[in-house]
Structures are given as C-alpha cells and as structure tokens.
C-alpha atoms as a PDB file:
ATOM      1  CA  UNK A   1       5.684  -2.944   7.656  1.00  0.00           C
ATOM      2  CA  UNK A   2       5.798  -1.451   4.158  1.00  0.00           C
ATOM      3  CA  UNK A   3       7.624  -2.342   0.957  1.00  0.00           C
ATOM      4  CA  UNK A   4      10.127   0.155  -0.416  1.00  0.00           C
ATOM      5  CA  UNK A   5       7.565   1.277  -3.029  1.00  0.00           C
ATOM      6  CA  UNK A   6       4.930   1.826  -0.351  1.00  0.00           C
ATOM      7  CA  UNK A   7       7.364   3.765   1.809  1.00  0.00           C
ATOM      8  CA  UNK A   8       8.215   6.126  -1.041  1.00  0.00           C
ATOM      9  CA  UNK A   9       4.600   6.652  -2.135  1.00  0.00           C
ATOM     10  CA  UNK A  10       3.584   7.283   1.499  1.00  0.00           C
ATOM     11  CA  UNK A  11       6.518   9.699   1.914  1.00  0.00           C
ATOM     12  CA  UNK A  12       5.460  11.708  -1.137  1.00  0.00           C
ATOM     13  CA  UNK A  13       1.844  11.688   0.012  1.00  0.00           C
ATOM     14  CA  UNK A  14       2.727  12.931   3.504  1.00  0.00           C
ATOM     15  CA  UNK A  15       5.044  15.680   2.250  1.00  0.00           C
ATOM     16  CA  UNK A  16       2.507  16.930  -0.294  1.00  0.00           C
ATOM     17  CA  UNK A  17      -0.151  17.038   2.413  1.00  0.00           C
ATOM     18  CA  UNK A  18       2.299  19.122   4.475  1.00  0.00           C
ATOM     19  CA  UNK A  19       2.530  21.545   1.545  1.00  0.00           C
ATOM     20  CA  UNK A  20       6.070  20.498   0.613  1.00  0.00           C
ATOM     21  CA  UNK A  21       7.147  20.014  -3.002  1.00  0.00           C
ATOM     22  CA  UNK A  22       8.909  16.743  -3.810  1.00  0.00           C
ATOM     23  CA  UNK A  23      11.354  15.532  -6.441  1.00  0.00           C
ATOM     24  CA  UNK A  24      10.484  11.995  -7.566  1.00  0.00           C
ATOM     25  CA  UNK A  25      13.033   9.955  -9.544  1.00  0.00           C
ATOM     26  CA  UNK A  26      12.025   6.758 -11.378  1.00  0.00           C
ATOM     27  CA  UNK A  27      14.349   4.367 -13.235  1.00  0.00           C
ATOM     28  CA  UNK A  28      13.063   3.926 -16.801  1.00  0.00           C
ATOM     29  CA  UNK A  29      15.813   1.870 -18.436  1.00  0.00           C
ATOM     30  CA  UNK A  30      18.961   0.052 -17.409  1.00  0.00           C
ATOM     31  CA  UNK A  31      21.917  -1.411 -19.299  1.00  0.00           C
ATOM     32  CA  UNK A  32      24.646  -3.677 -18.033  1.00  0.00           C
ATOM     33  CA  UNK A  33      25.051  -4.191 -14.302  1.00  0.00           C
ATOM     34  CA  UNK A  34      22.437  -1.922 -12.798  1.00  0.00           C
ATOM     35  CA  UNK A  35      22.277  -1.669  -8.978  1.00  0.00           C
ATOM     36  CA  UNK A  36      18.488  -1.088  -8.985  1.00  0.00           C
ATOM     37  CA  UNK A  37      15.719  -2.441 -11.234  1.00  0.00           C
ATOM     38  CA  UNK A  38      13.443  -0.619 -13.652  1.00  0.00           C
ATOM     39  CA  UNK A  39      10.666   1.088 -11.698  1.00  0.00           C
ATOM     40  CA  UNK A  40      12.784   1.711  -8.591  1.00  0.00           C
ATOM     41  CA  UNK A  41      12.177   5.145  -7.085  1.00  0.00           C
ATOM     42  CA  UNK A  42      13.775   7.808  -4.954  1.00  0.00           C
ATOM     43  CA  UNK A  43      12.014  10.862  -3.502  1.00  0.00           C
ATOM     44  CA  UNK A  44      13.523  14.009  -2.022  1.00  0.00           C
ATOM     45  CA  UNK A  45      12.193  17.280  -0.588  1.00  0.00           C
ATOM     46  CA  UNK A  46      13.763  20.648  -1.335  1.00  0.00           C
ATOM     47  CA  UNK A  47      15.499  20.639   2.050  1.00  0.00           C
ATOM     48  CA  UNK A  48      17.256  17.344   1.262  1.00  0.00           C
ATOM     49  CA  UNK A  49      15.020  14.828   3.080  1.00  0.00           C
ATOM     50  CA  UNK A  50      15.505  11.698   0.982  1.00  0.00           C
ATOM     51  CA  UNK A  51      13.987   8.219   0.795  1.00  0.00           C
ATOM     52  CA  UNK A  52      14.602   5.314  -1.581  1.00  0.00           C
ATOM     53  CA  UNK A  53      17.490   4.582  -3.908  1.00  0.00           C
ATOM     54  CA  UNK A  54      18.318   4.502  -7.599  1.00  0.00           C
ATOM     55  CA  UNK A  55      21.946   3.383  -7.225  1.00  0.00           C
ATOM     56  CA  UNK A  56      24.426   2.322  -4.597  1.00  0.00           C
ATOM     57  CA  UNK A  57      24.581   5.885  -3.297  1.00  0.00           C
ATOM     58  CA  UNK A  58      26.780   7.840  -5.708  1.00  0.00           C
ATOM     59  CA  UNK A  59      23.977   8.991  -8.013  1.00  0.00           C
ATOM     60  CA  UNK A  60      22.066  10.038  -4.917  1.00  0.00           C
ATOM     61  CA  UNK A  61      25.034  12.184  -3.885  1.00  0.00           C
ATOM     62  CA  UNK A  62      25.197  13.725  -7.370  1.00  0.00           C
ATOM     63  CA  UNK A  63      21.451  14.414  -7.242  1.00  0.00           C
ATOM     64  CA  UNK A  64      21.692  16.129  -3.840  1.00  0.00           C
ATOM     65  CA  UNK A  65      24.587  18.272  -5.052  1.00  0.00           C
ATOM     66  CA  UNK A  66      22.528  19.441  -8.033  1.00  0.00           C
ATOM     67  CA  UNK A  67      19.617  20.059  -5.692  1.00  0.00           C
ATOM     68  CA  UNK A  68      21.765  22.262  -3.468  1.00  0.00           C
ATOM     69  CA  UNK A  69      23.303  24.305  -6.294  1.00  0.00           C
ATOM     70  CA  UNK A  70      19.928  24.886  -7.974  1.00  0.00           C
ATOM     71  CA  UNK A  71      20.804  23.240 -11.293  1.00  0.00           C
ATOM     72  CA  UNK A  72      18.001  20.661 -11.032  1.00  0.00           C
ATOM     73  CA  UNK A  73      15.290  23.283 -10.607  1.00  0.00           C
ATOM     74  CA  UNK A  74      16.840  25.378 -13.382  1.00  0.00           C
ATOM     75  CA  UNK A  75      16.690  22.416 -15.770  1.00  0.00           C
ATOM     76  CA  UNK A  76      13.091  21.674 -14.808  1.00  0.00           C
ATOM     77  CA  UNK A  77      12.111  25.326 -15.333  1.00  0.00           C
ATOM     78  CA  UNK A  78      13.829  25.267 -18.739  1.00  0.00           C
ATOM     79  CA  UNK A  79      12.084  22.031 -19.777  1.00  0.00           C
ATOM     80  CA  UNK A  80       8.731  22.965 -18.246  1.00  0.00           C
ATOM     81  CA  UNK A  81       7.914  19.285 -17.741  1.00  0.00           C
ATOM     82  CA  UNK A  82       9.426  16.038 -16.369  1.00  0.00           C
ATOM     83  CA  UNK A  83      12.804  15.293 -17.912  1.00  0.00           C
ATOM     84  CA  UNK A  84      15.140  12.332 -18.245  1.00  0.00           C
ATOM     85  CA  UNK A  85      18.740  12.135 -17.066  1.00  0.00           C
ATOM     86  CA  UNK A  86      21.121   9.493 -18.426  1.00  0.00           C
ATOM     87  CA  UNK A  87      23.806   8.226 -16.064  1.00  0.00           C
ATOM     88  CA  UNK A  88      26.873   6.179 -17.006  1.00  0.00           C
ATOM     89  CA  UNK A  89      26.975   6.888 -20.727  1.00  0.00           C
ATOM     90  CA  UNK A  90      30.781   7.120 -20.709  1.00  0.00           C
ATOM     91  CA  UNK A  91      33.453   5.145 -18.896  1.00  0.00           C
ATOM     92  CA  UNK A  92      34.544   8.352 -17.152  1.00  0.00           C
ATOM     93  CA  UNK A  93      31.045   8.936 -15.784  1.00  0.00           C
ATOM     94  CA  UNK A  94      30.728   5.297 -14.739  1.00  0.00           C
ATOM     95  CA  UNK A  95      33.973   5.690 -12.783  1.00  0.00           C
ATOM     96  CA  UNK A  96      32.901   9.025 -11.255  1.00  0.00           C
ATOM     97  CA  UNK A  97      29.548   7.649 -10.126  1.00  0.00           C
ATOM     98  CA  UNK A  98      31.033   4.239  -9.192  1.00  0.00           C
ATOM     99  CA  UNK A  99      28.525   2.407 -11.376  1.00  0.00           C
ATOM    100  CA  UNK A 100      29.196  -1.286 -12.070  1.00  0.00           C
ATOM    101  CA  UNK A 101      31.061  -2.149 -15.268  1.00  0.00           C
ATOM    102  CA  UNK A 102      28.948  -1.162 -18.251  1.00  0.00           C
ATOM    103  CA  UNK A 103      26.121   0.045 -16.050  1.00  0.00           C
ATOM    104  CA  UNK A 104      23.825   2.763 -17.369  1.00  0.00           C
ATOM    105  CA  UNK A 105      20.613   4.249 -16.019  1.00  0.00           C
ATOM    106  CA  UNK A 106      17.893   6.389 -17.581  1.00  0.00           C
ATOM    107  CA  UNK A 107      16.105   8.207 -14.757  1.00  0.00           C
ATOM    108  CA  UNK A 108      12.943  10.301 -15.059  1.00  0.00           C
ATOM    109  CA  UNK A 109      12.828  13.330 -12.777  1.00  0.00           C
ATOM    110  CA  UNK A 110       9.549  14.940 -11.731  1.00  0.00           C
ATOM    111  CA  UNK A 111       9.045  18.047  -9.650  1.00  0.00           C
ATOM    112  CA  UNK A 112       5.717  17.467  -7.848  1.00  0.00           C
ATOM    113  CA  UNK A 113       4.089  20.462  -6.264  1.00  0.00           C
ATOM    114  CA  UNK A 114       1.578  20.212  -3.376  1.00  0.00           C
ATOM    115  CA  UNK A 115      -1.479  21.018  -5.496  1.00  0.00           C
ATOM    116  CA  UNK A 116      -4.874  19.453  -4.841  1.00  0.00           C
ATOM    117  CA  UNK A 117      -4.828  17.064  -7.837  1.00  0.00           C
ATOM    118  CA  UNK A 118      -1.380  15.698  -6.878  1.00  0.00           C
ATOM    119  CA  UNK A 119      -2.369  15.243  -3.228  1.00  0.00           C
ATOM    120  CA  UNK A 120      -5.543  13.435  -4.262  1.00  0.00           C
ATOM    121  CA  UNK A 121      -3.664  11.051  -6.586  1.00  0.00           C
ATOM    122  CA  UNK A 122      -0.982  10.140  -4.058  1.00  0.00           C
ATOM    123  CA  UNK A 123      -3.577   9.661  -1.341  1.00  0.00           C
ATOM    124  CA  UNK A 124      -5.360   7.213  -3.659  1.00  0.00           C
ATOM    125  CA  UNK A 125      -2.090   5.399  -4.449  1.00  0.00           C
ATOM    126  CA  UNK A 126      -1.248   5.125  -0.740  1.00  0.00           C
ATOM    127  CA  UNK A 127      -4.655   3.728   0.195  1.00  0.00           C
ATOM    128  CA  UNK A 128      -4.607   1.195  -2.640  1.00  0.00           C
ATOM    129  CA  UNK A 129      -1.202  -0.182  -1.648  1.00  0.00           C
ATOM    130  CA  UNK A 130      -2.169  -0.345   2.016  1.00  0.00           C
ATOM    131  CA  UNK A 131      -5.252  -2.352   1.025  1.00  0.00           C
ATOM    132  CA  UNK A 132      -3.221  -4.775  -1.127  1.00  0.00           C
ATOM    133  CA  UNK A 133      -4.862  -3.549  -4.325  1.00  0.00           C
ATOM    134  CA  UNK A 134      -3.199  -3.284  -7.734  1.00  0.00           C
ATOM    135  CA  UNK A 135      -2.572   0.280  -8.861  1.00  0.00           C
ATOM    136  CA  UNK A 136      -0.591   2.181 -11.485  1.00  0.00           C
ATOM    137  CA  UNK A 137       0.647   5.740 -11.554  1.00  0.00           C
ATOM    138  CA  UNK A 138       0.144   7.473 -14.903  1.00  0.00           C
ATOM    139  CA  UNK A 139       2.318  10.449 -15.845  1.00  0.00           C
ATOM    140  CA  UNK A 140       1.683  12.711 -18.834  1.00  0.00           C
ATOM    141  CA  UNK A 141       5.213  13.364 -20.074  1.00  0.00           C
ATOM    142  CA  UNK A 142       4.223  16.588 -21.836  1.00  0.00           C
ATOM    143  CA  UNK A 143       2.335  18.275 -19.010  1.00  0.00           C
ATOM    144  CA  UNK A 144       3.528  16.494 -15.850  1.00  0.00           C
ATOM    145  CA  UNK A 145      -0.089  15.720 -14.922  1.00  0.00           C
ATOM    146  CA  UNK A 146      -0.372  12.669 -12.636  1.00  0.00           C
ATOM    147  CA  UNK A 147      -3.287  10.249 -12.426  1.00  0.00           C
ATOM    148  CA  UNK A 148      -3.975   6.737 -11.148  1.00  0.00           C
ATOM    149  CA  UNK A 149      -5.307   3.596 -12.791  1.00  0.00           C
ATOM    150  CA  UNK A 150      -6.745   0.747 -10.719  1.00  0.00           C
ATOM    151  CA  UNK A 151      -4.808  -1.870 -12.680  1.00  0.00           C
ATOM    152  CA  UNK A 152      -1.168  -2.874 -12.988  1.00  0.00           C
ATOM    153  CA  UNK A 153       0.734  -4.899 -15.536  1.00  0.00           C
ATOM    154  CA  UNK A 154       3.673  -7.278 -15.573  1.00  0.00           C
ATOM    155  CA  UNK A 155       6.050  -4.565 -16.803  1.00  0.00           C
ATOM    156  CA  UNK A 156       7.171  -2.163 -14.081  1.00  0.00           C
ATOM    157  CA  UNK A 157       7.287   0.786 -16.491  1.00  0.00           C
ATOM    158  CA  UNK A 158       5.692   1.273 -19.909  1.00  0.00           C
ATOM    159  CA  UNK A 159       6.436   4.361 -22.024  1.00  0.00           C
ATOM    160  CA  UNK A 160       3.994   4.987 -24.866  1.00  0.00           C
ATOM    161  CA  UNK A 161       1.822   7.747 -26.339  1.00  0.00           C
ATOM    162  CA  UNK A 162       3.753  10.389 -24.391  1.00  0.00           C
ATOM    163  CA  UNK A 163       2.846   8.898 -21.048  1.00  0.00           C
ATOM    164  CA  UNK A 164       4.511   6.714 -18.442  1.00  0.00           C
ATOM    165  CA  UNK A 165       2.582   3.903 -16.768  1.00  0.00           C
ATOM    166  CA  UNK A 166       4.309   2.826 -13.561  1.00  0.00           C
ATOM    167  CA  UNK A 167       2.845  -0.353 -12.047  1.00  0.00           C
ATOM    168  CA  UNK A 168       3.017  -0.373  -8.254  1.00  0.00           C
ATOM    169  CA  UNK A 169       2.784  -3.617  -6.313  1.00  0.00           C
ATOM    170  CA  UNK A 170       1.282  -4.025  -2.852  1.00  0.00           C
ATOM    171  CA  UNK A 171       3.515  -5.601  -0.266  1.00  0.00           C
ATOM    172  CA  UNK A 172       3.559  -9.401  -0.378  1.00  0.00           C
ATOM    173  CA  UNK A 173       2.501 -11.253   2.769  1.00  0.00           C
ATOM    174  CA  UNK A 174       3.555 -14.642   4.091  1.00  0.00           C
ATOM    175  CA  UNK A 175       1.661 -16.683   6.664  1.00  0.00           C
ATOM    176  CA  UNK A 176       3.856 -19.258   8.406  1.00  0.00           C
ATOM    177  CA  UNK A 177       2.194 -22.128  10.273  1.00  0.00           C
ATOM    178  CA  UNK A 178       4.011 -23.658  13.213  1.00  0.00           C
ATOM    179  CA  UNK A 179       6.353 -22.038  15.736  1.00  0.00           C
ATOM    180  CA  UNK A 180       9.630 -23.871  15.142  1.00  0.00           C
ATOM    181  CA  UNK A 181      13.240 -23.413  14.073  1.00  0.00           C
ATOM    182  CA  UNK A 182      12.513 -23.648  10.345  1.00  0.00           C
ATOM    183  CA  UNK A 183       9.861 -20.953  10.722  1.00  0.00           C
ATOM    184  CA  UNK A 184      12.398 -18.672  12.424  1.00  0.00           C
ATOM    185  CA  UNK A 185      14.845 -18.908   9.531  1.00  0.00           C
ATOM    186  CA  UNK A 186      12.086 -18.558   6.922  1.00  0.00           C
ATOM    187  CA  UNK A 187      10.757 -15.491   8.740  1.00  0.00           C
ATOM    188  CA  UNK A 188      14.177 -13.821   8.898  1.00  0.00           C
ATOM    189  CA  UNK A 189      14.831 -14.429   5.195  1.00  0.00           C
ATOM    190  CA  UNK A 190      11.329 -13.300   4.231  1.00  0.00           C
ATOM    191  CA  UNK A 191      11.723 -10.046   6.149  1.00  0.00           C
ATOM    192  CA  UNK A 192      14.987  -9.361   4.313  1.00  0.00           C
ATOM    193  CA  UNK A 193      13.086  -9.904   1.044  1.00  0.00           C
ATOM    194  CA  UNK A 194      10.471  -7.306   2.079  1.00  0.00           C
ATOM    195  CA  UNK A 195       7.600  -9.648   2.940  1.00  0.00           C
ATOM    196  CA  UNK A 196       5.098  -8.829   5.651  1.00  0.00           C
ATOM    197  CA  UNK A 197       5.317 -11.967   7.823  1.00  0.00           C
ATOM    198  CA  UNK A 198       2.820 -13.477  10.259  1.00  0.00           C
ATOM    199  CA  UNK A 199       3.415 -16.635  12.323  1.00  0.00           C
ATOM    200  CA  UNK A 200       0.331 -18.609  13.383  1.00  0.00           C
ATOM    201  CA  UNK A 201       0.240 -21.475  15.871  1.00  0.00           C
ATOM    202  CA  UNK A 202      -2.977 -22.282  17.785  1.00  0.00           C
ATOM    203  CA  UNK A 203      -1.300 -24.914  20.000  1.00  0.00           C
ATOM    204  CA  UNK A 204      -1.016 -23.821  23.633  1.00  0.00           C
ATOM    205  CA  UNK A 205       2.450 -22.637  24.729  1.00  0.00           C
ATOM    206  CA  UNK A 206       4.074 -23.052  21.282  1.00  0.00           C
ATOM    207  CA  UNK A 207       4.389 -19.298  20.838  1.00  0.00           C
ATOM    208  CA  UNK A 208       5.879 -18.639  24.269  1.00  0.00           C
ATOM    209  CA  UNK A 209       9.534 -18.935  23.242  1.00  0.00           C
ATOM    210  CA  UNK A 210       9.182 -18.053  19.545  1.00  0.00           C
ATOM    211  CA  UNK A 211      10.130 -14.521  18.566  1.00  0.00           C
ATOM    212  CA  UNK A 212      11.502 -12.813  15.469  1.00  0.00           C
ATOM    213  CA  UNK A 213      11.638  -9.026  15.497  1.00  0.00           C
ATOM    214  CA  UNK A 214       9.169  -7.613  12.978  1.00  0.00           C
ATOM    215  CA  UNK A 215       6.967 -10.723  12.764  1.00  0.00           C
ATOM    216  CA  UNK A 216       3.385 -10.668  13.986  1.00  0.00           C
ATOM    217  CA  UNK A 217       2.320 -13.781  15.921  1.00  0.00           C
ATOM    218  CA  UNK A 218      -1.166 -15.123  16.506  1.00  0.00           C
ATOM    219  CA  UNK A 219      -2.725 -18.148  18.204  1.00  0.00           C
ATOM    220  CA  UNK A 220      -5.988 -17.862  16.272  1.00  0.00           C
ATOM    221  CA  UNK A 221      -7.325 -20.759  14.203  1.00  0.00           C
ATOM    222  CA  UNK A 222      -5.309 -20.935  10.941  1.00  0.00           C
ATOM    223  CA  UNK A 223      -8.311 -21.230   8.608  1.00  0.00           C
ATOM    224  CA  UNK A 224      -9.783 -18.037  10.050  1.00  0.00           C
ATOM    225  CA  UNK A 225      -6.483 -16.187   9.553  1.00  0.00           C
ATOM    226  CA  UNK A 226      -6.203 -17.371   5.939  1.00  0.00           C
ATOM    227  CA  UNK A 227      -9.804 -16.494   5.166  1.00  0.00           C
ATOM    228  CA  UNK A 228      -9.555 -12.985   6.598  1.00  0.00           C
ATOM    229  CA  UNK A 229      -6.078 -11.837   5.544  1.00  0.00           C
ATOM    230  CA  UNK A 230      -4.261 -14.246   3.208  1.00  0.00           C
ATOM    231  CA  UNK A 231      -6.684 -14.859   0.358  1.00  0.00           C
ATOM    232  CA  UNK A 232      -5.305 -12.742  -2.517  1.00  0.00           C
ATOM    233  CA  UNK A 233      -2.526 -12.994  -5.159  1.00  0.00           C
ATOM    234  CA  UNK A 234      -0.104 -11.122  -2.871  1.00  0.00           C
ATOM    235  CA  UNK A 235      -0.337 -13.776  -0.158  1.00  0.00           C
ATOM    236  CA  UNK A 236       1.659 -16.941   0.476  1.00  0.00           C
ATOM    237  CA  UNK A 237       0.883 -19.677   3.009  1.00  0.00           C
ATOM    238  CA  UNK A 238       3.643 -21.981   4.266  1.00  0.00           C
ATOM    239  CA  UNK A 239       2.735 -24.928   6.511  1.00  0.00           C
ATOM    240  CA  UNK A 240       5.653 -25.859   8.786  1.00  0.00           C
ATOM    241  CA  UNK A 241       3.963 -27.261  11.898  1.00  0.00           C
ATOM    242  CA  UNK A 242       4.428 -30.989  11.149  1.00  0.00           C
ATOM    243  CA  UNK A 243       1.009 -31.342  12.777  1.00  0.00           C
ATOM    244  CA  UNK A 244      -2.007 -32.082  10.530  1.00  0.00           C
ATOM    245  CA  UNK A 245      -4.297 -30.363  13.027  1.00  0.00           C
ATOM    246  CA  UNK A 246      -2.504 -27.096  12.278  1.00  0.00           C
ATOM    247  CA  UNK A 247      -1.230 -27.526   8.719  1.00  0.00           C
ATOM    248  CA  UNK A 248      -4.336 -29.123   7.206  1.00  0.00           C
ATOM    249  CA  UNK A 249      -6.615 -26.597   8.892  1.00  0.00           C
ATOM    250  CA  UNK A 250      -4.782 -23.819   7.043  1.00  0.00           C
ATOM    251  CA  UNK A 251      -4.416 -25.734   3.775  1.00  0.00           C
ATOM    252  CA  UNK A 252      -8.107 -26.582   3.447  1.00  0.00           C
ATOM    253  CA  UNK A 253      -8.773 -22.828   3.246  1.00  0.00           C
ATOM    254  CA  UNK A 254      -5.551 -21.691   1.510  1.00  0.00           C
ATOM    255  CA  UNK A 255      -5.936 -24.035  -1.474  1.00  0.00           C
ATOM    256  CA  UNK A 256      -9.303 -22.468  -2.269  1.00  0.00           C
ATOM    257  CA  UNK A 257      -7.818 -18.983  -2.544  1.00  0.00           C
ATOM    258  CA  UNK A 258      -5.752 -17.388  -5.331  1.00  0.00           C
ATOM    259  CA  UNK A 259      -2.697 -17.044  -3.084  1.00  0.00           C
ATOM    260  CA  UNK A 260       0.465 -16.955  -5.209  1.00  0.00           C
ATOM    261  CA  UNK A 261       2.098 -19.745  -3.169  1.00  0.00           C
ATOM    262  CA  UNK A 262       0.873 -22.547  -0.899  1.00  0.00           C
ATOM    263  CA  UNK A 263       3.366 -25.072   0.434  1.00  0.00           C
ATOM    264  CA  UNK A 264       3.701 -27.687   3.165  1.00  0.00           C
ATOM    265  CA  UNK A 265       6.844 -29.139   4.705  1.00  0.00           C
ATOM    266  CA  UNK A 266       7.288 -32.901   4.862  1.00  0.00           C
ATOM    267  CA  UNK A 267       8.880 -35.915   3.228  1.00  0.00           C
ATOM    268  CA  UNK A 268       7.664 -37.548   0.017  1.00  0.00           C
ATOM    269  CA  UNK A 269       5.709 -40.095   2.073  1.00  0.00           C
ATOM    270  CA  UNK A 270       4.219 -37.439   4.366  1.00  0.00           C
ATOM    271  CA  UNK A 271       3.262 -35.309   1.386  1.00  0.00           C
ATOM    272  CA  UNK A 272       1.621 -38.259  -0.357  1.00  0.00           C
ATOM    273  CA  UNK A 273      -0.381 -39.032   2.782  1.00  0.00           C
ATOM    274  CA  UNK A 274      -1.453 -35.388   3.001  1.00  0.00           C
ATOM    275  CA  UNK A 275      -2.689 -35.413  -0.592  1.00  0.00           C
ATOM    276  CA  UNK A 276      -4.787 -38.493   0.221  1.00  0.00           C
ATOM    277  CA  UNK A 277      -6.253 -36.706   3.283  1.00  0.00           C
ATOM    278  CA  UNK A 278      -7.106 -33.391   1.705  1.00  0.00           C
ATOM    279  CA  UNK A 279     -10.113 -34.609  -0.385  1.00  0.00           C
ATOM    280  CA  UNK A 280     -11.732 -35.582   2.913  1.00  0.00           C
ATOM    281  CA  UNK A 281     -11.627 -31.870   3.814  1.00  0.00           C
ATOM    282  CA  UNK A 282     -13.662 -30.975   0.736  1.00  0.00           C
ATOM    283  CA  UNK A 283     -10.786 -30.072  -1.601  1.00  0.00           C
ATOM    284  CA  UNK A 284     -10.886 -30.882  -5.312  1.00  0.00           C
ATOM    285  CA  UNK A 285      -8.004 -32.413  -7.272  1.00  0.00           C
ATOM    286  CA  UNK A 286      -7.285 -29.146  -9.139  1.00  0.00           C
ATOM    287  CA  UNK A 287      -7.070 -27.316  -5.814  1.00  0.00           C
ATOM    288  CA  UNK A 288      -4.748 -29.929  -4.288  1.00  0.00           C
ATOM    289  CA  UNK A 289      -2.497 -29.816  -7.363  1.00  0.00           C
ATOM    290  CA  UNK A 290      -1.612 -26.214  -6.479  1.00  0.00           C
ATOM    291  CA  UNK A 291       0.126 -27.409  -3.305  1.00  0.00           C
ATOM    292  CA  UNK A 292       3.934 -27.350  -3.229  1.00  0.00           C
ATOM    293  CA  UNK A 293       4.834 -30.472  -1.246  1.00  0.00           C
ATOM    294  CA  UNK A 294       7.450 -31.528  -0.429  1.00  0.00           C
ATOM    295  CA  UNK A 295       8.149 -27.860   0.023  1.00  0.00           C
ATOM    296  CA  UNK A 296      11.104 -25.987  -1.466  1.00  0.00           C
ATOM    297  CA  UNK A 297      13.694 -26.773  -4.106  1.00  0.00           C
ATOM    298  CA  UNK A 298      15.310 -30.173  -3.626  1.00  0.00           C
ATOM    299  CA  UNK A 299      18.869 -29.249  -2.605  1.00  0.00           C
ATOM    300  CA  UNK A 300      19.398 -32.089  -0.110  1.00  0.00           C
ATOM    301  CA  UNK A 301      18.801 -29.605   2.704  1.00  0.00           C
ATOM    302  CA  UNK A 302      19.131 -31.032   6.214  1.00  0.00           C
ATOM    303  CA  UNK A 303      19.416 -28.181   8.717  1.00  0.00           C
ATOM    304  CA  UNK A 304      16.621 -25.674   9.488  1.00  0.00           C
ATOM    305  CA  UNK A 305      18.589 -22.896   7.766  1.00  0.00           C
ATOM    306  CA  UNK A 306      19.129 -24.984   4.616  1.00  0.00           C
ATOM    307  CA  UNK A 307      15.450 -25.945   4.518  1.00  0.00           C
ATOM    308  CA  UNK A 308      14.527 -22.269   4.835  1.00  0.00           C
ATOM    309  CA  UNK A 309      16.836 -21.389   1.920  1.00  0.00           C
ATOM    310  CA  UNK A 310      15.161 -24.008  -0.282  1.00  0.00           C
ATOM    311  CA  UNK A 311      11.700 -22.747   0.708  1.00  0.00           C
ATOM    312  CA  UNK A 312      12.388 -19.076   0.072  1.00  0.00           C
ATOM    313  CA  UNK A 313      14.112 -19.875  -3.231  1.00  0.00           C
ATOM    314  CA  UNK A 314      10.947 -21.624  -4.395  1.00  0.00           C
ATOM    315  CA  UNK A 315       8.709 -18.844  -3.059  1.00  0.00           C
ATOM    316  CA  UNK A 316      10.835 -16.244  -4.868  1.00  0.00           C
ATOM    317  CA  UNK A 317      10.702 -18.183  -8.139  1.00  0.00           C
ATOM    318  CA  UNK A 318       6.949 -18.605  -7.868  1.00  0.00           C
ATOM    319  CA  UNK A 319       6.502 -14.899  -7.110  1.00  0.00           C
ATOM    320  CA  UNK A 320       8.322 -14.099 -10.347  1.00  0.00           C
ATOM    321  CA  UNK A 321       6.303 -16.621 -12.353  1.00  0.00           C
ATOM    322  CA  UNK A 322       9.066 -19.224 -12.661  1.00  0.00           C
ATOM    323  CA  UNK A 323       8.235 -22.894 -12.211  1.00  0.00           C
ATOM    324  CA  UNK A 324      11.373 -24.949 -11.559  1.00  0.00           C
ATOM    325  CA  UNK A 325      10.181 -27.732  -9.288  1.00  0.00           C
END
C-alpha cells in the first residue's frame, strides 16, 4: 500500500521511464476553505491519464479542458519555466469551480519531460519513500531543474531564493497487537487515514477468523516484528491483546525505538500494573514515560468502535505533534 504522495511520485517516475512527459501540479498556498492541503499534488500525462487531486474535482476538469485545447502547453511555452495559476480569486470563479466559500488555491504547474536527469531524480524520490526515508523535491523556479535533498522539514512547501522545497513524507505504518474486535475497527480507520497496517498475534488460532481487507497479518513474535519493521519515526505500535505475553513482548522493544506513537489498551489499574512490570523487562523510566496508557482520548468510550475512535484520534494528534492527553 502507498500513500497518495507515494502513488503520485511513483506514477511520475513510471511515466518518465516510459518516455512520457508529465504535468505535475502542486498546491503552494490556500485561503479560506480549501479542499486539499498545501503540498497536495496531481499528475497528468498528455493523453489525459490523471492521478491525485488538488480540489474536489472541478479544478481537475478545468485543467483537463485546458490540456485538451492546448492552452496549458501554450502558456508553458510562453513562460519557458514552471508557472503558477490562481484559482478562486473572484466569487464568480469560486462558483464556476465549485470551490468552498472563500476558498482560493495557488497551484504550481510543471511540465516534466522524460530526460535523464528528471528520471534519475524521480527514481531517487520513489526509492526513498519506499524505504521510509525522509526526502524533499527541490525545484528551480527559473529553470525548471529538479533535484532531491535527503532531508524534509515540518513545512510541506517552502518558497525562497527562487526555488521550491517540497517535503515528501514516507507512508506511516501501524503495528496492531492482538486479533480482536477493537483491532478490526482500528485497522479500518487507519486504512482510511492512509496508514500501512499490520496485525500481529503469535497466539495459536487467534488469526484464523480475523480479517480486514488490506491489512497484513503475522503470527511472528511481536518483538521481532517491531525490531525489523517498526523502529522509525513513521511507525506506531498499538498493543490491544489484553495479554501481557503479547503486549509486553512488543512494548519492551517498541519503547526503545523512536516510533512516533506507542500505546497500550487497558484500564487505569491495568496500565499502572504494566508500568510496574516494564522495568523488569529492562526498560528505563524515560522510555516507559513515552507509553500512552490508558490508550486513546478519554471520551467514556465503551464499545469497540468507540474505543477505536479514541485511539485513532490520539494517534492522529500525536502524528501532527499535538499533545492533548
């Protein structure tokens, strides 16, 4: 599974390697109610093969119409470099494009030809994202030259010194421990939020009747799975087994990593008992303090679906650097 950013970068890479030119659109600025965030992308070949989105669909239709009538290419040829299009500047245009009230978008358009330097850059971007490595795409706004930088910042797009720096994020992964009803709801919500989800349960027969389309399952030992695949800032580990043999095995490894989120389900009393146990597994106080337990925002959740909502709300907040619990 790939995030929307990965899908678009891979699409551009594949089309360039097939000797097809590609239009790449990137949102630079938004005002008011914008349907897509800064940094969102859309890519399109000359024959109208399109991936991604920069609006609810109406700007895409306008873009394809300009592609068909040749006006986009004419503007690019006139500019001789990437150029910016402003959508929704007037109420009439907002109505025509069906943008939300007050919504405006500044979109950068690039015409990327299948030259060797461009293919090399997009191949590098694709490999970095597949390997869960930070990466940025650098665009010279005067020449259209594209390069890559093996770093990324907090801001999706930075415009300075006549260049655009577009930070690209690898897909976030979640490891769920314990094949149960809560895990099913968490998995379904996480998939909708573009996480790559794996469910681990080493207990015999627990995985037999557990299935969510798009989720990888494994019966391997949880600490091995964490150590090998869920040990970076784009990983989250969520213990839901209600069995210390499963949960603690994962936590003793997860709390030593720089995973962006580590949580364990349980009551206040269960969580307190877990914190007393974890030092016996070789964990230090600072490592244990990272643990979110009881898991999720406290919304008096009772049902598996409500518990899953509280968990994914906390995971989402943590992913965006917000501490509310």
